[in-house]
C-alpha atoms as a PDB file:
ATOM      1  CA  MET A   1     162.554 154.302-110.773  1.00  0.00           C
ATOM      2  CA  ALA A   2     162.518 153.344-107.301  1.00  0.00           C
ATOM      3  CA  LYS A   3     162.209 149.601-106.341  1.00  0.00           C
ATOM      4  CA  THR A   4     159.170 148.633-104.254  1.00  0.00           C
ATOM      5  CA  SER A   5     158.957 145.568-102.090  1.00  0.00           C
ATOM      6  CA  PRO A   6     156.537 142.857-102.940  1.00  0.00           C
ATOM      7  CA  LEU A   7     154.291 143.886-100.086  1.00  0.00           C
ATOM      8  CA  GLU A   8     154.093 147.408-101.324  1.00  0.00           C
ATOM      9  CA  PHE A   9     153.517 146.241-104.805  1.00  0.00           C
ATOM     10  CA  LEU A  10     150.619 144.040-103.703  1.00  0.00           C
ATOM     11  CA  GLN A  11     149.037 146.997-101.745  1.00  0.00           C
ATOM     12  CA  GLN A  12     149.248 149.260-104.783  1.00  0.00           C
ATOM     13  CA  VAL A  13     147.607 146.550-107.068  1.00  0.00           C
ATOM     14  CA  ARG A  14     144.809 146.171-104.479  1.00  0.00           C
ATOM     15  CA  THR A  15     144.326 150.091-104.535  1.00  0.00           C
ATOM     16  CA  GLU A  16     144.267 150.221-108.272  1.00  0.00           C
ATOM     17  CA  ALA A  17     141.908 147.274-108.414  1.00  0.00           C
ATOM     18  CA  GLY A  18     139.526 149.130-106.154  1.00  0.00           C
ATOM     19  CA  LYS A  19     139.334 152.019-108.640  1.00  0.00           C
ATOM     20  CA  VAL A  20     138.153 149.924-111.492  1.00  0.00           C
ATOM     21  CA  THR A  21     134.561 150.450-112.559  1.00  0.00           C
ATOM     22  CA  TRP A  22     133.140 146.946-113.364  1.00  0.00           C
ATOM     23  CA  PRO A  23     130.162 146.650-115.720  1.00  0.00           C
ATOM     24  CA  THR A  24     126.827 145.540-114.315  1.00  0.00           C
ATOM     25  CA  ARG A  25     125.141 142.170-115.095  1.00  0.00           C
ATOM     26  CA  ARG A  26     122.774 143.983-117.351  1.00  0.00           C
ATOM     27  CA  GLU A  27     125.615 145.886-119.291  1.00  0.00           C
ATOM     28  CA  THR A  28     127.559 142.651-119.800  1.00  0.00           C
ATOM     29  CA  ALA A  29     124.482 140.841-121.153  1.00  0.00           C
ATOM     30  CA  ILE A  30     123.594 143.729-123.609  1.00  0.00           C
ATOM     31  CA  THR A  31     127.159 143.866-124.765  1.00  0.00           C
ATOM     32  CA  THR A  32     127.296 140.079-125.175  1.00  0.00           C
ATOM     33  CA  THR A  33     124.000 139.968-127.115  1.00  0.00           C
ATOM     34  CA  MET A  34     125.306 142.725-129.525  1.00  0.00           C
ATOM     35  CA  VAL A  35     128.546 140.871-130.000  1.00  0.00           C
ATOM     36  CA  PHE A  36     126.698 137.818-131.198  1.00  0.00           C
ATOM     37  CA  ILE A  37     124.283 139.992-133.323  1.00  0.00           C
ATOM     38  CA  MET A  38     127.233 141.537-134.985  1.00  0.00           C
ATOM     39  CA  ALA A  39     129.033 138.191-135.493  1.00  0.00           C
ATOM     40  CA  ILE A  40     125.852 136.674-137.299  1.00  0.00           C
ATOM     41  CA  LEU A  41     125.651 139.873-139.512  1.00  0.00           C
ATOM     42  CA  ALA A  42     129.328 139.676-140.370  1.00  0.00           C
ATOM     43  CA  ALA A  43     128.846 135.915-141.282  1.00  0.00           C
ATOM     44  CA  ILE A  44     125.848 136.591-143.386  1.00  0.00           C
ATOM     45  CA  PHE A  45     127.554 139.576-145.109  1.00  0.00           C
ATOM     46  CA  PHE A  46     130.695 137.353-145.946  1.00  0.00           C
ATOM     47  CA  LEU A  47     128.456 134.501-147.018  1.00  0.00           C
ATOM     48  CA  VAL A  48     126.358 136.657-149.544  1.00  0.00           C
ATOM     49  CA  ALA A  49     129.669 138.362-150.626  1.00  0.00           C
ATOM     50  CA  ASP A  50     131.446 134.888-151.227  1.00  0.00           C
ATOM     51  CA  MET A  51     128.427 133.611-153.139  1.00  0.00           C
ATOM     52  CA  ILE A  52     128.365 136.631-155.340  1.00  0.00           C
ATOM     53  CA  MET A  53     132.341 136.369-156.115  1.00  0.00           C
ATOM     54  CA  ASN A  54     131.783 132.608-156.838  1.00  0.00           C
ATOM     55  CA  TRP A  55     128.967 133.365-159.368  1.00  0.00           C
ATOM     56  CA  GLY A  56     131.017 136.195-160.948  1.00  0.00           C
ATOM     57  CA  VAL A  57     134.307 133.938-161.312  1.00  0.00           C
ATOM     58  CA  GLY A  58     132.260 131.146-162.504  1.00  0.00           C
ATOM     59  CA  LEU A  59     130.649 133.228-165.171  1.00  0.00           C
ATOM     60  CA  LEU A  60     134.034 134.825-166.153  1.00  0.00           C
ATOM     61  CA  LEU A  61     135.597 131.562-166.586  1.00  0.00           C
ATOM     62  CA  GLY A  62     132.591 129.847-168.202  1.00  0.00           C
ATOM     63  CA  LEU A  63     132.074 127.380-165.532  1.00  0.00           C
ATOM     64  CA  SER A  64     128.545 128.058-164.651  1.00  0.00           C
ATOM     65  CA  GLY A  65     127.327 125.326-166.782  1.00  0.00           C
END
């Protein structure tokens, strides 16, 4: 592999960065909102699953009172 000079490397980086398609502000907002919604749904799911397992183990061990 041929060595490149630092100046040539920076020129290549600038060229490649120009090829990047950046998301619009709207796309970023929608994606961020979807991530928050999915995180909340996952938290609710695991809360319910934990409560069910806690109830089941308590029932199994006779600790439910």
